[in-house]
Amino acid sequence: MNTAKKPTVLILCTGNSCRSHLAEGVLRAAAGDLLDVQSAGSKPAGYVHPLAFQVMREIGIDISSHRSKSMNEFLTGPVETVITVCGHADQACPVFPGQVNRHHWPFDDPAHATGTEAEKLAVFRRVRDEIRRQFEAYAAGRRDALKAAPR
């Protein structure tokens, strides 16, 4: 399938350093054949958190090529669905060209986890697993909708 013909799903967070990358990786793995999955931030941090790379590798998803991006990079192209994963991004979210759907699914920010490395990893894994459940269910719903659509 040609990437240009896939609907774009943009996952927004404030810093685009953690939650949105976890969600992008999960959704791309679950529905990348159906959707052009991207992520961005309203105020990009300029980096992707190292523990995000690590916890995604643990479930077989490589996000090492991801970079922190501004949502402004997506204001000129069609975005079918915007999913915000934190409250600040939901409040700052503009309307994108071609936007049809908008969802707000807030998750705790594991980048704010404190404690030992093991304690921080536990928070990253919990949030990753919460994001995984939500976004895999979303991908399954998109697949079901395509199957049910009249041809």
Protein backbone atom coordinates (compact mmCIF):
# COMPACT_ATOMS: atom_id res chain seq x y z
CA MET A 1 0.00 0.00 0.00
CA ASN A 2 1.26 3.48 -0.86
CA THR A 3 2.03 5.57 2.27
CA ALA A 4 0.48 8.66 0.67
CA LYS A 5 -2.90 6.92 0.51
CA LYS A 6 -2.92 5.81 4.16
CA PRO A 7 -4.80 8.09 6.55
CA THR A 8 -2.43 9.93 8.90
CA VAL A 9 -2.88 9.48 12.63
CA LEU A 10 -0.95 12.09 14.62
CA ILE A 11 -0.27 11.37 18.29
CA LEU A 12 0.36 14.56 20.25
CA CYS A 13 2.01 15.19 23.58
CA THR A 14 3.60 18.29 25.03
CA GLY A 15 7.29 17.37 24.80
CA ASN A 16 7.19 14.53 22.25
CA SER A 17 9.88 12.80 24.29
CA CYS A 18 8.11 9.80 25.74
CA ARG A 19 4.37 8.94 25.74
CA SER A 20 3.70 9.95 22.15
CA HIS A 21 6.69 7.88 20.98
CA LEU A 22 5.52 4.85 22.94
CA ALA A 23 2.09 5.23 21.34
CA GLU A 24 3.51 5.83 17.87
CA GLY A 25 5.66 2.71 18.11
CA VAL A 26 2.79 0.54 19.33
CA LEU A 27 0.27 1.83 16.79
CA ARG A 28 2.73 1.61 13.91
CA ALA A 29 3.48 -2.02 14.88
CA ALA A 30 -0.24 -2.82 15.19
CA ALA A 31 -1.61 -0.89 12.18
CA GLY A 32 1.28 0.45 10.12
CA ASP A 33 -0.04 -1.35 7.07
CA LEU A 34 -3.31 0.65 7.38
CA LEU A 35 -2.22 3.97 8.84
CA ASP A 36 0.56 6.52 8.52
CA VAL A 37 1.38 6.91 12.23
CA GLN A 38 3.28 10.00 13.40
CA SER A 39 3.90 11.78 16.69
CA ALA A 40 4.73 15.35 17.63
CA GLY A 41 4.71 17.79 20.51
CA SER A 42 3.22 21.20 21.21
CA LYS A 43 6.56 22.18 22.85
CA PRO A 44 9.06 19.52 21.68
CA ALA A 45 11.76 18.58 24.19
CA GLY A 46 14.29 18.01 21.42
CA TYR A 47 15.08 14.43 22.44
CA VAL A 48 13.45 11.05 22.99
CA HIS A 49 13.86 9.71 26.52
CA PRO A 50 16.41 6.84 26.66
CA LEU A 51 14.11 4.69 28.82
CA ALA A 52 11.43 4.93 26.12
CA PHE A 53 13.83 3.24 23.69
CA GLN A 54 14.63 0.57 26.28
CA VAL A 55 11.06 -0.38 27.26
CA MET A 56 9.97 -0.54 23.61
CA ARG A 57 12.92 -2.83 22.74
CA GLU A 58 11.69 -5.12 25.54
CA ILE A 59 8.48 -5.74 23.57
CA GLY A 60 10.22 -6.03 20.21
CA ILE A 61 9.48 -2.54 18.88
CA ASP A 62 12.39 -0.40 17.67
CA ILE A 63 11.84 3.35 17.99
CA SER A 64 15.54 4.24 17.77
CA SER A 65 14.97 6.29 14.60
CA HIS A 66 12.33 8.51 16.27
CA ARG A 67 13.05 12.18 16.88
CA SER A 68 11.26 14.86 18.86
CA LYS A 69 9.14 16.91 16.41
CA SER A 70 6.87 19.94 16.55
CA MET A 71 3.20 19.61 15.69
CA ASN A 72 3.78 22.54 13.33
CA GLU A 73 5.49 20.09 10.93
CA PHE A 74 2.06 18.57 10.29
CA LEU A 75 -0.04 21.72 9.79
CA THR A 76 0.22 21.69 5.99
CA GLY A 77 -0.68 18.06 5.21
CA PRO A 78 -3.89 16.12 5.78
CA VAL A 79 -4.21 14.55 9.22
CA GLU A 80 -7.23 12.28 9.55
CA THR A 81 -7.05 11.62 13.29
CA VAL A 82 -5.37 13.44 16.16
CA ILE A 83 -4.88 11.59 19.45
CA THR A 84 -3.61 13.58 22.42
CA VAL A 85 -1.94 11.60 25.21
CA CYS A 86 -1.51 14.42 27.76
CA GLY A 87 -3.69 17.26 28.99
CA HIS A 88 -1.44 20.10 27.90
CA ALA A 89 -1.32 18.89 24.29
CA ASP A 90 -5.10 18.50 24.29
CA GLN A 91 -5.47 22.16 25.30
CA ALA A 92 -2.89 23.37 22.76
CA CYS A 93 -4.09 21.19 19.88
CA PRO A 94 -4.95 23.11 16.71
CA VAL A 95 -7.24 21.78 14.02
CA PHE A 96 -5.23 20.09 11.29
CA PRO A 97 -6.05 20.06 7.56
CA GLY A 98 -8.36 17.18 6.75
CA GLN A 99 -8.85 16.28 10.42
CA VAL A 100 -11.93 14.11 10.87
CA ASN A 101 -11.39 12.54 14.31
CA ARG A 102 -9.97 13.65 17.62
CA HIS A 103 -9.39 11.54 20.72
CA HIS A 104 -7.93 12.43 24.11
CA TRP A 105 -6.40 9.50 25.98
CA PRO A 106 -4.26 10.88 28.85
CA PHE A 107 -1.48 8.79 30.37
CA ASP A 108 0.90 9.49 33.25
CA ASP A 109 4.22 10.95 32.13
CA PRO A 110 6.93 8.39 32.93
CA ALA A 111 9.61 11.02 32.25
CA HIS A 112 8.67 12.50 35.64
CA ALA A 113 9.29 9.21 37.47
CA THR A 114 11.66 9.46 40.41
CA GLY A 115 13.65 6.98 42.43
CA THR A 116 16.13 4.33 41.45
CA GLU A 117 16.67 3.23 37.86
CA ALA A 118 14.56 0.13 38.61
CA GLU A 119 11.73 2.28 40.01
CA LYS A 120 11.81 4.57 36.96
CA LEU A 121 11.80 1.55 34.63
CA ALA A 122 8.77 0.16 36.44
CA VAL A 123 6.86 3.39 35.74
CA PHE A 124 7.94 3.37 32.07
CA ARG A 125 6.82 -0.26 31.72
CA ARG A 126 3.45 0.42 33.36
CA VAL A 127 2.72 3.39 31.11
CA ARG A 128 3.98 1.49 28.04
CA ASP A 129 1.61 -1.38 28.86
CA GLU A 130 -1.34 1.01 29.38
CA ILE A 131 -0.57 2.70 26.06
CA ARG A 132 -0.16 -0.69 24.38
CA ARG A 133 -3.61 -1.88 25.53
CA GLN A 134 -5.30 1.32 24.35
CA PHE A 135 -3.57 1.63 20.98
CA GLU A 136 -3.73 -2.06 20.08
CA ALA A 137 -7.48 -1.92 20.77
CA TYR A 138 -7.72 1.18 18.58
CA ALA A 139 -5.86 -0.61 15.77
CA ALA A 140 -8.17 -3.61 16.07
CA GLY A 141 -11.19 -1.29 15.87
CA ARG A 142 -9.82 0.35 12.73
CA ARG A 143 -9.31 -3.11 11.16
CA ASP A 144 -12.83 -4.16 12.10
CA ALA A 145 -14.27 -0.96 10.61
CA LEU A 146 -12.42 -1.59 7.32
CA LYS A 147 -13.74 -5.16 7.15
CA ALA A 148 -17.30 -3.97 7.79
CA ALA A 149 -17.15 -1.11 5.29
CA PRO A 150 -19.12 -1.61 2.08
CA ARG A 151 -16.90 -2.26 -0.91
